[in-house]
Every structure is written in C-alpha cells, then in structure tokens.
Amino acid sequence: MKLTEKMIRFAECKLGSTEYAGWCLAFIEDALEISNHIEIFGGDSAKESCEMYKDALRGGVPERGAFVFYDCLCQSENGPVNWGHCGVSFGDGRVNHAWDVVRIDDYLAIEKLTALTGDHPKYLVIFLLHADSISRLE
C-alpha cells in the first residue's frame, strides 16, 4: 500500500476524535509518520512548515495526499499568533484536519470555521510533494 493511502486510512480512523484538538500539524505528521513508520521534519507550526516548503507550493484543488495549508490566527499566552492551520487532502476537494475534533471539510469551507481568536482560516496553498514523494526526501 502506498504511503498516501496508509496516511489517509490513519487520518480517517481518527474522525471525531478530540485527541488532536488544536494540534493540526501533529495530526498530519502522525498520520504520515505513524502509519508508515517514517519520520519527517517540518516546522513547529503549520505556518512555519508552509514557509519551509514554499518552493514546492502551489494553489488550486489539492491532490490526494497533499498537505493543505491556511493562514490562521491562534490563541497564545501573548495574544493571537499566526500559527496557521493544515490538513490532508482526499483529492476530491475534501480535507481531513484537526479542529475541535478530527473532521472532514471542503478545502474552501474550512475558511468559514472560526478559531478561538475569532479569526477564520485563509486558504494558502498545497504542498505538492505529497506523502508518496516524502519518503524519497529522507
């Protein structure tokens, strides 16, 4: 089974779980790493990871297994911070992501969600090097 399919199966098994509430980056990393017994290195936040991958980013409808990134202000001890938001694409416009629970939403409908800060995620880009390409980067 391909890395992408293992990652998506892991993510689907977490639907409805509060285990990753507020930890969207940990969710997509665990979906890829735990299901495939590999380790990837990204940033400390969704926004930082997006910046690290900027040379491989593009817009449009996300491909299956692609990481999808959003700008999003999140609550911190020092006030709102743009930690961003992220999820995993099913390739049909739906994204599996951790919000208050692990859920599936259309990639543009995620912009209608409201963060604790009152902010709404803003769709940025997808990381083109989806899961099946990541293993070659190790």
Foldseek 3Di string as FASTA:
>chain_A
DFLLVLLVVQLVVQFPPQPCAVPFVVSSQCSRCVSVVHHDDADPALVRRCVVLVVQWDADQDARQWKWWWFWWAQDPVGTDRRTFIFGDRGPQWTFTHHSGTHIDRSCCQQVDAHPNRHGTGTDTIRNCGSNNVVVVD
